[in-house]
Amino acid sequence: MRIGASAKSFPSTAVIAIGASTGGTEAIQKVLIEMPENCPPIVIAQHIPAVFSRPFANRLGEICAIRVREAEDGEQPKPGLALIAPGNFHMLLRRGAAGYRVEVKDGPMVCFQRPSVDVLFQSVAQSAGSHATGAILTGMGSDGALGLLAMKKAGARTVAQDEESCVVNGMPAAARALGAAEQVLPLERIAPRLCRYAEMAIDMEARA
């Protein structure tokens, strides 16, 4: 297991959202394996069949410094934990008096997908706003582009994977075309940038 550096200090209300499709399982692995053990909560929508989402999460949990698991409805995202949307279910981020929680639910496909990156990102924009950081990784189609734009408009910092390091450039290209990505980076630079942006996020509790 990789032991990530843990010297960084992150605001308690920071959250990172990641979306991917084709080629995303390897891309997500490369991002998560670089995350420090005390990283902000991470929520992930990866286009994946239901039978594979839990084994995918379990495998990442074995090789990463952080904990990784398939999300359950009502679960609280926590520092050092990445929650992956179950295959064939949407995942949304909600915020209440007790902090963040995830909602895992059925519903119509969005951009022909369930889980949909747009559904997750839109919920992150609404629930976390400027306290969030978002990344859209390799994938076919345009799912996540509008959601990443919503995050950016809500004050979140946003990143898209560059064409050269993508297996399929569809989703990042769609986000770039909308002006949704603040930065376009090769895959190997995304984890450090997400951490840097998360360090800069405003802490809602500190402002209260």
Protein backbone atom coordinates (compact mmCIF):
# COMPACT_ATOMS: atom_id res chain seq x y z
CA MET A 1 0.00 0.00 0.00
CA ARG A 2 1.23 3.46 -0.84
CA ILE A 3 1.68 5.72 2.17
CA GLY A 4 0.71 9.24 1.14
CA ALA A 5 2.14 12.38 2.70
CA SER A 6 -0.16 13.81 5.36
CA ALA A 7 1.44 17.15 6.21
CA LYS A 8 -1.16 19.25 4.37
CA SER A 9 -3.91 20.99 6.31
CA PHE A 10 -7.36 21.03 4.74
CA PRO A 11 -10.47 23.00 5.72
CA SER A 12 -12.96 20.79 7.51
CA THR A 13 -15.69 21.47 4.95
CA ALA A 14 -13.56 20.90 1.83
CA VAL A 15 -14.72 18.15 -0.52
CA ILE A 16 -13.37 16.75 -3.80
CA ALA A 17 -15.60 15.42 -6.59
CA ILE A 18 -14.30 13.29 -9.47
CA GLY A 19 -16.07 12.00 -12.58
CA ALA A 20 -14.87 9.60 -15.26
CA SER A 21 -15.95 7.03 -17.83
CA THR A 22 -13.93 5.09 -20.43
CA GLY A 23 -10.41 4.64 -19.09
CA GLY A 24 -11.52 6.06 -15.78
CA THR A 25 -10.83 3.08 -13.56
CA GLU A 26 -7.10 3.39 -14.19
CA ALA A 27 -7.19 7.18 -14.12
CA ILE A 28 -9.01 7.23 -10.80
CA GLN A 29 -6.51 4.76 -9.38
CA LYS A 30 -3.63 7.03 -10.40
CA VAL A 31 -5.29 10.01 -8.73
CA LEU A 32 -6.32 8.28 -5.51
CA ILE A 33 -3.00 6.55 -4.98
CA GLU A 34 -1.39 10.00 -4.73
CA MET A 35 -3.83 11.30 -2.13
CA PRO A 36 -2.55 11.85 1.43
CA GLU A 37 -4.20 9.97 4.26
CA ASN A 38 -5.83 13.13 5.63
CA CYS A 39 -7.21 14.36 2.28
CA PRO A 40 -10.70 15.89 2.16
CA PRO A 41 -13.65 13.59 1.56
CA ILE A 42 -13.81 12.43 -2.07
CA VAL A 43 -16.98 11.52 -3.96
CA ILE A 44 -16.66 9.74 -7.31
CA ALA A 45 -18.99 8.91 -10.18
CA GLN A 46 -17.45 6.39 -12.57
CA HIS A 47 -19.51 4.86 -15.37
CA ILE A 48 -19.32 1.21 -14.38
CA PRO A 49 -21.66 -1.82 -14.35
CA ALA A 50 -23.22 -2.63 -10.99
CA VAL A 51 -21.36 -5.92 -10.65
CA PHE A 52 -17.97 -4.19 -10.84
CA SER A 53 -18.32 -1.08 -8.66
CA ARG A 54 -17.80 -2.76 -5.29
CA PRO A 55 -14.79 -4.86 -6.39
CA PHE A 56 -13.33 -1.72 -7.99
CA ALA A 57 -13.69 0.22 -4.74
CA ASN A 58 -12.33 -2.65 -2.65
CA ARG A 59 -9.28 -3.00 -4.89
CA LEU A 60 -8.49 0.69 -4.60
CA GLY A 61 -8.85 0.48 -0.84
CA GLU A 62 -6.15 -2.18 -0.79
CA ILE A 63 -3.55 -0.17 -2.70
CA CYS A 64 -4.21 3.43 -1.64
CA ALA A 65 -3.21 5.22 1.57
CA ILE A 66 -6.78 6.47 1.88
CA ARG A 67 -9.86 4.35 2.48
CA VAL A 68 -12.01 3.63 -0.57
CA ARG A 69 -15.39 1.96 -0.63
CA GLU A 70 -18.66 1.76 -2.52
CA ALA A 71 -21.03 4.38 -1.13
CA GLU A 72 -24.13 3.55 0.87
CA ASP A 73 -27.19 5.76 1.08
CA GLY A 74 -26.93 8.21 3.98
CA GLU A 75 -23.22 7.66 4.52
CA GLN A 76 -21.12 10.59 5.71
CA PRO A 77 -18.09 11.51 3.60
CA LYS A 78 -15.06 11.84 5.87
CA PRO A 79 -11.43 12.94 5.53
CA GLY A 80 -9.24 10.23 4.10
CA LEU A 81 -12.23 8.44 2.56
CA ALA A 82 -13.27 8.14 -1.09
CA LEU A 83 -16.83 7.03 -1.81
CA ILE A 84 -17.60 5.56 -5.24
CA ALA A 85 -21.14 5.61 -6.59
CA PRO A 86 -22.60 2.11 -6.90
CA GLY A 87 -23.12 0.95 -10.45
CA ASN A 88 -26.65 1.62 -11.75
CA PHE A 89 -27.36 4.22 -9.02
CA HIS A 90 -26.95 7.97 -8.93
CA MET A 91 -25.02 9.50 -6.04
CA LEU A 92 -25.60 13.02 -4.76
CA LEU A 93 -23.88 15.09 -2.09
CA ARG A 94 -26.16 16.68 0.50
CA ARG A 95 -25.38 19.03 3.39
CA GLY A 96 -27.32 19.26 6.62
CA ALA A 97 -26.76 20.26 10.22
CA ALA A 98 -24.47 17.28 10.75
CA GLY A 99 -22.36 18.00 7.67
CA TYR A 100 -22.16 16.22 4.35
CA ARG A 101 -23.85 12.95 3.51
CA VAL A 102 -24.40 11.08 0.28
CA GLU A 103 -27.70 10.10 -1.21
CA VAL A 104 -27.68 6.96 -3.35
CA LYS A 105 -30.81 6.58 -5.39
CA ASP A 106 -32.44 5.21 -8.50
CA GLY A 107 -33.74 7.52 -11.20
CA PRO A 108 -33.70 8.12 -14.93
CA MET A 109 -30.41 7.96 -16.74
CA VAL A 110 -28.71 11.30 -17.37
CA CYS A 111 -26.52 11.55 -20.46
CA PHE A 112 -27.37 7.85 -20.93
CA GLN A 113 -25.64 7.06 -17.65
CA ARG A 114 -26.45 5.95 -14.11
CA PRO A 115 -24.44 6.90 -12.12
CA SER A 116 -24.18 10.25 -13.86
CA VAL A 117 -21.28 12.63 -13.29
CA ASP A 118 -23.61 15.56 -13.99
CA VAL A 119 -25.96 14.45 -11.22
CA LEU A 120 -23.09 14.24 -8.73
CA PHE A 121 -21.43 17.49 -9.78
CA GLN A 122 -24.70 19.45 -9.76
CA SER A 123 -25.36 18.28 -6.21
CA VAL A 124 -21.82 19.21 -5.16
CA ALA A 125 -22.30 22.69 -6.63
CA GLN A 126 -25.50 23.11 -4.60
CA SER A 127 -24.25 21.59 -1.34
CA ALA A 128 -20.59 22.63 -1.19
CA GLY A 129 -20.17 25.58 -3.58
CA SER A 130 -16.80 27.26 -3.13
CA HIS A 131 -15.72 24.61 -0.61
CA ALA A 132 -15.51 22.01 -3.37
CA THR A 133 -12.94 21.02 -5.96
CA GLY A 134 -13.91 19.06 -9.05
CA ALA A 135 -12.10 17.01 -11.69
CA ILE A 136 -13.39 15.46 -14.87
CA LEU A 137 -11.26 12.65 -16.22
CA THR A 138 -11.11 10.52 -19.35
CA GLY A 139 -14.42 9.37 -20.81
CA MET A 140 -16.71 9.16 -23.81
CA GLY A 141 -19.58 11.58 -24.30
CA SER A 142 -20.33 14.80 -22.42
CA ASP A 143 -21.55 13.65 -19.00
CA GLY A 144 -20.13 15.91 -16.30
CA ALA A 145 -19.47 18.97 -18.45
CA LEU A 146 -22.56 20.88 -17.34
CA GLY A 147 -22.07 19.74 -13.77
CA LEU A 148 -18.47 20.93 -13.71
CA LEU A 149 -19.62 24.27 -15.09
CA ALA A 150 -22.21 24.50 -12.31
CA MET A 151 -19.47 23.82 -9.78
CA LYS A 152 -17.27 26.54 -11.26
CA LYS A 153 -20.15 29.03 -11.25
CA ALA A 154 -20.76 28.16 -7.59
CA GLY A 155 -17.17 29.08 -6.76
CA ALA A 156 -15.54 25.65 -6.84
CA ARG A 157 -12.10 25.10 -8.35
CA THR A 158 -12.21 22.84 -11.39
CA VAL A 159 -9.80 20.68 -13.39
CA ALA A 160 -10.03 18.64 -16.59
CA GLN A 161 -7.64 15.96 -17.77
CA ASP A 162 -5.70 16.91 -20.89
CA GLU A 163 -6.22 15.23 -24.23
CA GLU A 164 -2.79 13.61 -24.38
CA SER A 165 -3.24 11.60 -21.19
CA CYS A 166 -6.90 10.62 -21.81
CA VAL A 167 -7.95 7.22 -23.14
CA VAL A 168 -11.00 9.01 -24.58
CA ASN A 169 -11.11 12.79 -24.63
CA GLY A 170 -14.89 13.23 -24.89
CA MET A 171 -15.90 14.29 -21.39
CA PRO A 172 -12.91 16.54 -20.67
CA ALA A 173 -13.21 18.10 -24.14
CA ALA A 174 -16.89 18.85 -23.55
CA ALA A 175 -16.04 20.50 -20.23
CA ARG A 176 -13.28 22.55 -21.82
CA ALA A 177 -15.61 23.67 -24.61
CA LEU A 178 -18.00 25.09 -22.00
CA GLY A 179 -15.23 26.87 -20.13
CA ALA A 180 -15.96 24.66 -17.13
CA ALA A 181 -12.34 23.73 -16.37
CA GLU A 182 -10.19 26.27 -14.60
CA GLN A 183 -7.12 24.21 -15.45
CA VAL A 184 -6.34 21.45 -17.96
CA LEU A 185 -3.65 19.10 -16.68
CA PRO A 186 -2.00 15.77 -17.49
CA LEU A 187 -3.19 12.94 -15.30
CA GLU A 188 -0.06 12.81 -13.16
CA ARG A 189 -0.55 16.43 -12.06
CA ILE A 190 -4.21 16.20 -11.11
CA ALA A 191 -3.93 14.78 -7.57
CA PRO A 192 -1.46 17.45 -6.38
CA ARG A 193 -3.60 20.17 -7.92
CA LEU A 194 -6.77 18.87 -6.29
CA CYS A 195 -5.01 18.87 -2.93
CA ARG A 196 -3.69 22.38 -3.51
CA TYR A 197 -7.12 23.68 -4.43
CA ALA A 198 -8.67 21.89 -1.44
CA GLU A 199 -6.15 23.60 0.86
CA MET A 200 -7.41 26.92 -0.49
CA ALA A 201 -11.10 26.14 0.00
CA ILE A 202 -13.02 28.33 2.40
CA ASP A 203 -14.03 26.61 5.63
CA MET A 204 -17.75 27.18 6.23
CA GLU A 205 -17.40 26.35 9.93
CA ALA A 206 -14.60 28.89 10.36
CA ARG A 207 -16.79 31.56 8.79
CA ALA A 208 -19.85 30.74 10.87
